[in-house]
PDB file of all heavy atoms in Angstrom:
ATOM      1  N   ALA A   1      95.252  87.339  93.457  1.00  0.00           N
ATOM      2  CA  ALA A   1      95.832  88.375  94.320  1.00  0.00           C
ATOM      3  C   ALA A   1      95.471  88.052  95.759  1.00  0.00           C
ATOM      4  O   ALA A   1      94.287  87.941  96.093  1.00  0.00           O
ATOM      5  CB  ALA A   1      95.311  89.753  93.933  1.00  0.00           C
ATOM      6  N   ILE A   2      96.477  87.891  96.608  1.00  0.00           N
ATOM      7  CA  ILE A   2      96.266  87.510  98.011  1.00  0.00           C
ATOM      8  C   ILE A   2      96.789  88.631  98.888  1.00  0.00           C
ATOM      9  O   ILE A   2      97.893  89.152  98.671  1.00  0.00           O
ATOM     10  CB  ILE A   2      96.984  86.184  98.357  1.00  0.00           C
ATOM     11  CG1 ILE A   2      96.416  85.040  97.515  1.00  0.00           C
ATOM     12  CG2 ILE A   2      96.842  85.870  99.839  1.00  0.00           C
ATOM     13  CD1 ILE A   2      97.201  84.740  96.283  1.00  0.00           C
ATOM     14  N   PHE A   3      96.006  88.983  99.911  1.00  0.00           N
ATOM     15  CA  PHE A   3      96.348  90.042 100.856  1.00  0.00           C
ATOM     16  C   PHE A   3      96.368  89.411 102.237  1.00  0.00           C
ATOM     17  O   PHE A   3      95.374  88.818 102.665  1.00  0.00           O
ATOM     18  CB  PHE A   3      95.331  91.179 100.762  1.00  0.00           C
ATOM     19  CG  PHE A   3      95.202  91.737  99.366  1.00  0.00           C
ATOM     20  CD1 PHE A   3      94.369  91.125  98.435  1.00  0.00           C
ATOM     21  CD2 PHE A   3      95.940  92.838  98.984  1.00  0.00           C
ATOM     22  CE1 PHE A   3      94.267  91.609  97.139  1.00  0.00           C
ATOM     23  CE2 PHE A   3      95.847  93.334  97.691  1.00  0.00           C
ATOM     24  CZ  PHE A   3      95.010  92.713  96.765  1.00  0.00           C
ATOM     25  N   ALA A   4      97.493  89.546 102.946  1.00  0.00           N
ATOM     26  CA  ALA A   4      97.652  88.764 104.168  1.00  0.00           C
ATOM     27  C   ALA A   4      98.615  89.412 105.144  1.00  0.00           C
ATOM     28  O   ALA A   4      99.451  90.239 104.765  1.00  0.00           O
ATOM     29  CB  ALA A   4      98.152  87.354 103.819  1.00  0.00           C
ATOM     30  N   THR A   5      98.492  89.016 106.405  1.00  0.00           N
ATOM     31  CA  THR A   5      99.510  89.334 107.393  1.00  0.00           C
ATOM     32  C   THR A   5     100.658  88.336 107.226  1.00  0.00           C
ATOM     33  O   THR A   5     100.437  87.189 106.833  1.00  0.00           O
ATOM     34  CB  THR A   5      98.947  89.259 108.820  1.00  0.00           C
ATOM     35  OG1 THR A   5      98.293  87.993 108.995  1.00  0.00           O
ATOM     36  CG2 THR A   5      97.957  90.385 109.072  1.00  0.00           C
ATOM     37  N   PRO A   6     101.886  88.729 107.513  1.00  0.00           N
ATOM     38  CA  PRO A   6     103.025  87.859 107.207  1.00  0.00           C
ATOM     39  C   PRO A   6     103.057  86.562 108.008  1.00  0.00           C
ATOM     40  O   PRO A   6     103.497  85.534 107.495  1.00  0.00           O
ATOM     41  CB  PRO A   6     104.238  88.745 107.520  1.00  0.00           C
ATOM     42  CG  PRO A   6     103.736  89.807 108.437  1.00  0.00           C
ATOM     43  CD  PRO A   6     102.318  90.043 108.043  1.00  0.00           C
ATOM     44  N   GLN A   7     102.584  86.588 109.260  1.00  0.00           N
ATOM     45  CA  GLN A   7     102.676  85.391 110.083  1.00  0.00           C
ATOM     46  C   GLN A   7     101.841  84.256 109.514  1.00  0.00           C
ATOM     47  O   GLN A   7     102.230  83.081 109.568  1.00  0.00           O
ATOM     48  CB  GLN A   7     102.230  85.700 111.516  1.00  0.00           C
ATOM     49  CG  GLN A   7     102.546  84.593 112.518  1.00  0.00           C
ATOM     50  CD  GLN A   7     104.033  84.347 112.659  1.00  0.00           C
ATOM     51  OE1 GLN A   7     104.805  85.266 112.865  1.00  0.00           O
ATOM     52  NE2 GLN A   7     104.445  83.092 112.541  1.00  0.00           N
ATOM     53  N   VAL A   8     100.681  84.587 108.944  1.00  0.00           N
ATOM     54  CA  VAL A   8      99.814  83.562 108.363  1.00  0.00           C
ATOM     55  C   VAL A   8     100.505  82.883 107.189  1.00  0.00           C
ATOM     56  O   VAL A   8     100.512  81.653 107.077  1.00  0.00           O
ATOM     57  CB  VAL A   8      98.470  84.184 107.919  1.00  0.00           C
ATOM     58  CG1 VAL A   8      97.671  83.209 107.074  1.00  0.00           C
ATOM     59  CG2 VAL A   8      97.657  84.608 109.121  1.00  0.00           C
ATOM     60  N   ILE A   9     101.105  83.684 106.305  1.00  0.00           N
ATOM     61  CA  ILE A   9     101.802  83.108 105.150  1.00  0.00           C
ATOM     62  C   ILE A   9     103.005  82.285 105.611  1.00  0.00           C
ATOM     63  O   ILE A   9     103.268  81.195 105.096  1.00  0.00           O
ATOM     64  CB  ILE A   9     102.244  84.217 104.182  1.00  0.00           C
ATOM     65  CG1 ILE A   9     101.041  85.041 103.704  1.00  0.00           C
ATOM     66  CG2 ILE A   9     102.981  83.621 102.988  1.00  0.00           C
ATOM     67  CD1 ILE A   9     100.032  84.278 102.886  1.00  0.00           C
ATOM     68  N   LYS A  10     103.721  82.787 106.598  1.00  0.00           N
ATOM     69  CA  LYS A  10     104.876  82.050 107.124  1.00  0.00           C
ATOM     70  C   LYS A  10     104.448  80.684 107.652  1.00  0.00           C
ATOM     71  O   LYS A  10     105.066  79.656 107.332  1.00  0.00           O
ATOM     72  CB  LYS A  10     105.552  82.859 108.237  1.00  0.00           C
ATOM     73  CG  LYS A  10     106.691  82.128 108.934  1.00  0.00           C
ATOM     74  CD  LYS A  10     107.264  82.966 110.074  1.00  0.00           C
ATOM     75  CE  LYS A  10     108.279  82.174 110.890  1.00  0.00           C
ATOM     76  NZ  LYS A  10     108.837  82.969 112.007  1.00  0.00           N
ATOM     77  N   ASN A  11     103.386  80.645 108.446  1.00  0.00           N
ATOM     78  CA  ASN A  11     102.916  79.375 108.997  1.00  0.00           C
ATOM     79  C   ASN A  11     102.514  78.413 107.891  1.00  0.00           C
ATOM     80  O   ASN A  11     102.812  77.210 107.946  1.00  0.00           O
ATOM     81  CB  ASN A  11     101.729  79.613 109.931  1.00  0.00           C
ATOM     82  CG  ASN A  11     102.134  80.307 111.212  1.00  0.00           C
ATOM     83  OD1 ASN A  11     103.313  80.540 111.465  1.00  0.00           O
ATOM     84  ND2 ASN A  11     101.162  80.661 112.032  1.00  0.00           N
ATOM     85  N   ASP A  12     101.813  78.922 106.874  1.00  0.00           N
ATOM     86  CA  ASP A  12     101.362  78.050 105.787  1.00  0.00           C
ATOM     87  C   ASP A  12     102.529  77.503 104.984  1.00  0.00           C
ATOM     88  O   ASP A  12     102.524  76.336 104.568  1.00  0.00           O
ATOM     89  CB  ASP A  12     100.411  78.819 104.862  1.00  0.00           C
ATOM     90  CG  ASP A  12      99.041  79.038 105.480  1.00  0.00           C
ATOM     91  OD1 ASP A  12      98.758  78.424 106.523  1.00  0.00           O
ATOM     92  OD2 ASP A  12      98.250  79.821 104.920  1.00  0.00           O
ATOM     93  N   LEU A  13     103.555  78.334 104.753  1.00  0.00           N
ATOM     94  CA  LEU A  13     104.723  77.855 104.008  1.00  0.00           C
ATOM     95  C   LEU A  13     105.477  76.790 104.796  1.00  0.00           C
ATOM     96  O   LEU A  13     105.906  75.774 104.240  1.00  0.00           O
ATOM     97  CB  LEU A  13     105.653  79.023 103.683  1.00  0.00           C
ATOM     98  CG  LEU A  13     105.138  80.053 102.671  1.00  0.00           C
ATOM     99  CD1 LEU A  13     106.159  81.173 102.505  1.00  0.00           C
ATOM    100  CD2 LEU A  13     104.844  79.405 101.328  1.00  0.00           C
ATOM    101  N   ILE A  14     105.632  77.018 106.085  1.00  0.00           N
ATOM    102  CA  ILE A  14     106.338  76.036 106.916  1.00  0.00           C
ATOM    103  C   ILE A  14     105.579  74.720 106.955  1.00  0.00           C
ATOM    104  O   ILE A  14     106.171  73.641 106.939  1.00  0.00           O
ATOM    105  CB  ILE A  14     106.550  76.605 108.335  1.00  0.00           C
ATOM    106  CG1 ILE A  14     107.623  77.710 108.288  1.00  0.00           C
ATOM    107  CG2 ILE A  14     106.957  75.517 109.317  1.00  0.00           C
ATOM    108  CD1 ILE A  14     107.822  78.438 109.599  1.00  0.00           C
ATOM    109  N   ALA A  15     104.233  74.812 106.974  1.00  0.00           N
ATOM    110  CA  ALA A  15     103.410  73.597 106.989  1.00  0.00           C
ATOM    111  C   ALA A  15     103.269  72.976 105.607  1.00  0.00           C
ATOM    112  O   ALA A  15     102.635  71.923 105.470  1.00  0.00           O
ATOM    113  CB  ALA A  15     102.029  73.923 107.556  1.00  0.00           C
ATOM    114  N   GLY A  16     103.817  73.618 104.571  1.00  0.00           N
ATOM    115  CA  GLY A  16     103.792  73.049 103.234  1.00  0.00           C
ATOM    116  C   GLY A  16     102.438  73.089 102.549  1.00  0.00           C
ATOM    117  O   GLY A  16     102.160  72.260 101.679  1.00  0.00           O
ATOM    118  N   ARG A  17     101.594  74.063 102.912  1.00  0.00           N
ATOM    119  CA  ARG A  17     100.246  74.112 102.325  1.00  0.00           C
ATOM    120  C   ARG A  17     100.270  74.638 100.900  1.00  0.00           C
ATOM    121  O   ARG A  17      99.399  74.323 100.102  1.00  0.00           O
ATOM    122  CB  ARG A  17      99.332  74.976 103.202  1.00  0.00           C
ATOM    123  CG  ARG A  17      99.154  74.388 104.594  1.00  0.00           C
ATOM    124  CD  ARG A  17      98.167  75.161 105.451  1.00  0.00           C
ATOM    125  NE  ARG A  17      98.109  74.549 106.778  1.00  0.00           N
ATOM    126  CZ  ARG A  17      98.535  75.125 107.896  1.00  0.00           C
ATOM    127  NH1 ARG A  17      99.007  76.362 107.857  1.00  0.00           N
ATOM    128  NH2 ARG A  17      98.465  74.490 109.040  1.00  0.00           N
ATOM    129  N   TYR A  18     101.230  75.477 100.577  1.00  0.00           N
ATOM    130  CA  TYR A  18     101.419  75.971  99.215  1.00  0.00           C
ATOM    131  C   TYR A  18     102.824  76.545  99.140  1.00  0.00           C
ATOM    132  O   TYR A  18     103.543  76.589 100.150  1.00  0.00           O
ATOM    133  CB  TYR A  18     100.367  77.027  98.832  1.00  0.00           C
ATOM    134  CG  TYR A  18     100.119  78.090  99.885  1.00  0.00           C
ATOM    135  CD1 TYR A  18     101.011  79.144 100.070  1.00  0.00           C
ATOM    136  CD2 TYR A  18      98.987  78.045 100.698  1.00  0.00           C
ATOM    137  CE1 TYR A  18     100.787  80.120 101.031  1.00  0.00           C
ATOM    138  CE2 TYR A  18      98.752  79.014 101.666  1.00  0.00           C
ATOM    139  CZ  TYR A  18      99.655  80.044 101.827  1.00  0.00           C
ATOM    140  OH  TYR A  18      99.434  81.002 102.781  1.00  0.00           O
ATOM    141  N   SER A  19     103.229  76.993  97.964  1.00  0.00           N
ATOM    142  CA  SER A  19     104.559  77.582  97.804  1.00  0.00           C
ATOM    143  C   SER A  19     104.419  78.929  97.107  1.00  0.00           C
ATOM    144  O   SER A  19     103.346  79.288  96.621  1.00  0.00           O
ATOM    145  CB  SER A  19     105.466  76.658  96.980  1.00  0.00           C
ATOM    146  OG  SER A  19     105.083  76.683  95.619  1.00  0.00           O
ATOM    147  N   LEU A  20     105.534  79.659  97.044  1.00  0.00           N
ATOM    148  CA  LEU A  20     105.551  80.979  96.416  1.00  0.00           C
ATOM    149  C   LEU A  20     106.152  80.938  95.016  1.00  0.00           C
ATOM    150  O   LEU A  20     106.505  81.975  94.466  1.00  0.00           O
ATOM    151  CB  LEU A  20     106.357  81.956  97.286  1.00  0.00           C
ATOM    152  CG  LEU A  20     105.891  82.144  98.728  1.00  0.00           C
ATOM    153  CD1 LEU A  20     106.824  83.121  99.454  1.00  0.00           C
ATOM    154  CD2 LEU A  20     104.453  82.638  98.797  1.00  0.00           C
ATOM    155  N   ASP A  21     106.246  79.743  94.425  1.00  0.00           N
ATOM    156  CA  ASP A  21     106.979  79.621  93.170  1.00  0.00           C
ATOM    157  C   ASP A  21     106.359  80.410  92.027  1.00  0.00           C
ATOM    158  O   ASP A  21     107.063  80.871  91.133  1.00  0.00           O
ATOM    159  CB  ASP A  21     107.147  78.151  92.781  1.00  0.00           C
ATOM    160  CG  ASP A  21     105.807  77.444  92.591  1.00  0.00           C
ATOM    161  OD1 ASP A  21     104.781  77.963  93.072  1.00  0.00           O
ATOM    162  OD2 ASP A  21     105.793  76.369  91.963  1.00  0.00           O
ATOM    163  N   ASP A  22     105.011  80.616  92.032  1.00  0.00           N
ATOM    164  CA  ASP A  22     104.395  81.350  90.925  1.00  0.00           C
ATOM    165  C   ASP A  22     103.994  82.770  91.309  1.00  0.00           C
ATOM    166  O   ASP A  22     103.237  83.421  90.582  1.00  0.00           O
ATOM    167  CB  ASP A  22     103.177  80.584  90.394  1.00  0.00           C
ATOM    168  CG  ASP A  22     102.066  80.454  91.428  1.00  0.00           C
ATOM    169  OD1 ASP A  22     102.333  80.715  92.627  1.00  0.00           O
ATOM    170  OD2 ASP A  22     100.939  80.088  91.049  1.00  0.00           O
ATOM    171  N   VAL A  23     104.487  83.274  92.450  1.00  0.00           N
ATOM    172  CA  VAL A  23     104.229  84.662  92.835  1.00  0.00           C
ATOM    173  C   VAL A  23     105.183  85.557  92.043  1.00  0.00           C
ATOM    174  O   VAL A  23     106.401  85.459  92.193  1.00  0.00           O
ATOM    175  CB  VAL A  23     104.417  84.872  94.352  1.00  0.00           C
ATOM    176  CG1 VAL A  23     104.329  86.350  94.703  1.00  0.00           C
ATOM    177  CG2 VAL A  23     103.367  84.082  95.131  1.00  0.00           C
ATOM    178  N   THR A  24     104.626  86.413  91.192  1.00  0.00           N
ATOM    179  CA  THR A  24     105.468  87.266  90.338  1.00  0.00           C
ATOM    180  C   THR A  24     105.686  88.652  90.933  1.00  0.00           C
ATOM    181  O   THR A  24     106.507  89.416  90.419  1.00  0.00           O
ATOM    182  CB  THR A  24     104.854  87.389  88.936  1.00  0.00           C
ATOM    183  OG1 THR A  24     103.482  87.766  89.052  1.00  0.00           O
ATOM    184  CG2 THR A  24     104.955  86.078  88.183  1.00  0.00           C
ATOM    185  N   LEU A  25     104.941  88.992  92.005  1.00  0.00           N
ATOM    186  CA  LEU A  25     105.215  90.245  92.721  1.00  0.00           C
ATOM    187  C   LEU A  25     104.872  90.059  94.193  1.00  0.00           C
ATOM    188  O   LEU A  25     103.750  89.670  94.529  1.00  0.00           O
ATOM    189  CB  LEU A  25     104.395  91.404  92.153  1.00  0.00           C
ATOM    190  CG  LEU A  25     104.594  92.752  92.886  1.00  0.00           C
ATOM    191  CD1 LEU A  25     106.035  93.239  92.753  1.00  0.00           C
ATOM    192  CD2 LEU A  25     103.620  93.813  92.379  1.00  0.00           C
ATOM    193  N   LEU A  26     105.845  90.340  95.035  1.00  0.00           N
ATOM    194  CA  LEU A  26     105.637  90.350  96.485  1.00  0.00           C
ATOM    195  C   LEU A  26     105.747  91.797  96.959  1.00  0.00           C
ATOM    196  O   LEU A  26     106.799  92.423  96.804  1.00  0.00           O
ATOM    197  CB  LEU A  26     106.672  89.478  97.195  1.00  0.00           C
ATOM    198  CG  LEU A  26     106.649  89.523  98.731  1.00  0.00           C
ATOM    199  CD1 LEU A  26     105.330  88.989  99.276  1.00  0.00           C
ATOM    200  CD2 LEU A  26     107.819  88.749  99.325  1.00  0.00           C
ATOM    201  N   VAL A  27     104.659  92.325  97.525  1.00  0.00           N
ATOM    202  CA  VAL A  27     104.640  93.688  98.061  1.00  0.00           C
ATOM    203  C   VAL A  27     104.753  93.600  99.580  1.00  0.00           C
ATOM    204  O   VAL A  27     103.956  92.909 100.230  1.00  0.00           O
ATOM    205  CB  VAL A  27     103.350  94.430  97.660  1.00  0.00           C
ATOM    206  CG1 VAL A  27     103.320  95.827  98.292  1.00  0.00           C
ATOM    207  CG2 VAL A  27     103.237  94.530  96.150  1.00  0.00           C
ATOM    208  N   VAL A  28     105.728  94.277 100.151  1.00  0.00           N
ATOM    209  CA  VAL A  28     105.973  94.262 101.596  1.00  0.00           C
ATOM    210  C   VAL A  28     105.724  95.669 102.126  1.00  0.00           C
ATOM    211  O   VAL A  28     106.552  96.566 101.945  1.00  0.00           O
ATOM    212  CB  VAL A  28     107.415  93.803 101.909  1.00  0.00           C
ATOM    213  CG1 VAL A  28     107.640  93.779 103.416  1.00  0.00           C
ATOM    214  CG2 VAL A  28     107.686  92.433 101.301  1.00  0.00           C
ATOM    215  N   ASP A  29     104.568  95.877 102.766  1.00  0.00           N
ATOM    216  CA  ASP A  29     104.226  97.195 103.290  1.00  0.00           C
ATOM    217  C   ASP A  29     104.788  97.366 104.697  1.00  0.00           C
ATOM    218  O   ASP A  29     104.959  96.393 105.431  1.00  0.00           O
ATOM    219  CB  ASP A  29     102.708  97.366 103.310  1.00  0.00           C
ATOM    220  CG  ASP A  29     102.304  98.825 103.460  1.00  0.00           C
ATOM    221  OD1 ASP A  29     103.169  99.705 103.267  1.00  0.00           O
ATOM    222  OD2 ASP A  29     101.131  99.096 103.771  1.00  0.00           O
ATOM    223  N   GLU A  30     105.056  98.613 105.082  1.00  0.00           N
ATOM    224  CA  GLU A  30     105.700  98.921 106.366  1.00  0.00           C
ATOM    225  C   GLU A  30     106.966  98.075 106.518  1.00  0.00           C
ATOM    226  O   GLU A  30     107.202  97.411 107.531  1.00  0.00           O
ATOM    227  CB  GLU A  30     104.733  98.677 107.531  1.00  0.00           C
ATOM    228  CG  GLU A  30     103.399  99.402 107.415  1.00  0.00           C
ATOM    229  CD  GLU A  30     103.530 100.927 107.486  1.00  0.00           C
ATOM    230  OE1 GLU A  30     104.621 101.422 107.806  1.00  0.00           O
ATOM    231  OE2 GLU A  30     102.529 101.610 107.213  1.00  0.00           O
ATOM    232  N   CYS A  31     107.807  98.128 105.488  1.00  0.00           N
ATOM    233  CA  CYS A  31     108.943  97.206 105.399  1.00  0.00           C
ATOM    234  C   CYS A  31     110.027  97.485 106.433  1.00  0.00           C
ATOM    235  O   CYS A  31     110.940  96.663 106.602  1.00  0.00           O
ATOM    236  CB  CYS A  31     109.535  97.236 104.001  1.00  0.00           C
ATOM    237  SG  CYS A  31     110.331  98.806 103.570  1.00  0.00           S
ATOM    238  N   HIS A  32     109.952  98.626 107.138  1.00  0.00           N
ATOM    239  CA  HIS A  32     110.955  98.898 108.170  1.00  0.00           C
ATOM    240  C   HIS A  32     110.892  97.869 109.299  1.00  0.00           C
ATOM    241  O   HIS A  32     111.796  97.806 110.135  1.00  0.00           O
ATOM    242  CB  HIS A  32     110.757 100.305 108.746  1.00  0.00           C
ATOM    243  CG  HIS A  32     109.379 100.559 109.253  1.00  0.00           C
ATOM    244  ND1 HIS A  32     108.373 101.079 108.469  1.00  0.00           N
ATOM    245  CD2 HIS A  32     108.812 100.363 110.473  1.00  0.00           C
ATOM    246  CE1 HIS A  32     107.261 101.184 109.183  1.00  0.00           C
ATOM    247  NE2 HIS A  32     107.514 100.756 110.401  1.00  0.00           N
ATOM    248  N   ARG A  33     109.852  97.049 109.315  1.00  0.00           N
ATOM    249  CA  ARG A  33     109.747  95.992 110.328  1.00  0.00           C
ATOM    250  C   ARG A  33     110.636  94.783 110.024  1.00  0.00           C
ATOM    251  O   ARG A  33     110.748  93.877 110.860  1.00  0.00           O
ATOM    252  CB  ARG A  33     108.301  95.509 110.433  1.00  0.00           C
ATOM    253  CG  ARG A  33     107.353  96.491 111.103  1.00  0.00           C
ATOM    254  CD  ARG A  33     105.933  95.971 111.039  1.00  0.00           C
ATOM    255  NE  ARG A  33     105.013  96.760 111.840  1.00  0.00           N
ATOM    256  CZ  ARG A  33     104.361  96.297 112.919  1.00  0.00           C
ATOM    257  NH1 ARG A  33     104.573  95.069 113.327  1.00  0.00           N
ATOM    258  NH2 ARG A  33     103.527  97.060 113.583  1.00  0.00           N
TER     259      ARG A  33
END
């Protein structure tokens, strides 16, 4: 279970550090943003 701000995950995905292929639930809080 990973808890993060979105910019950090975005940067890591763009840099290819890991992928979201095995994430079975993505929770987006304050989604009006």
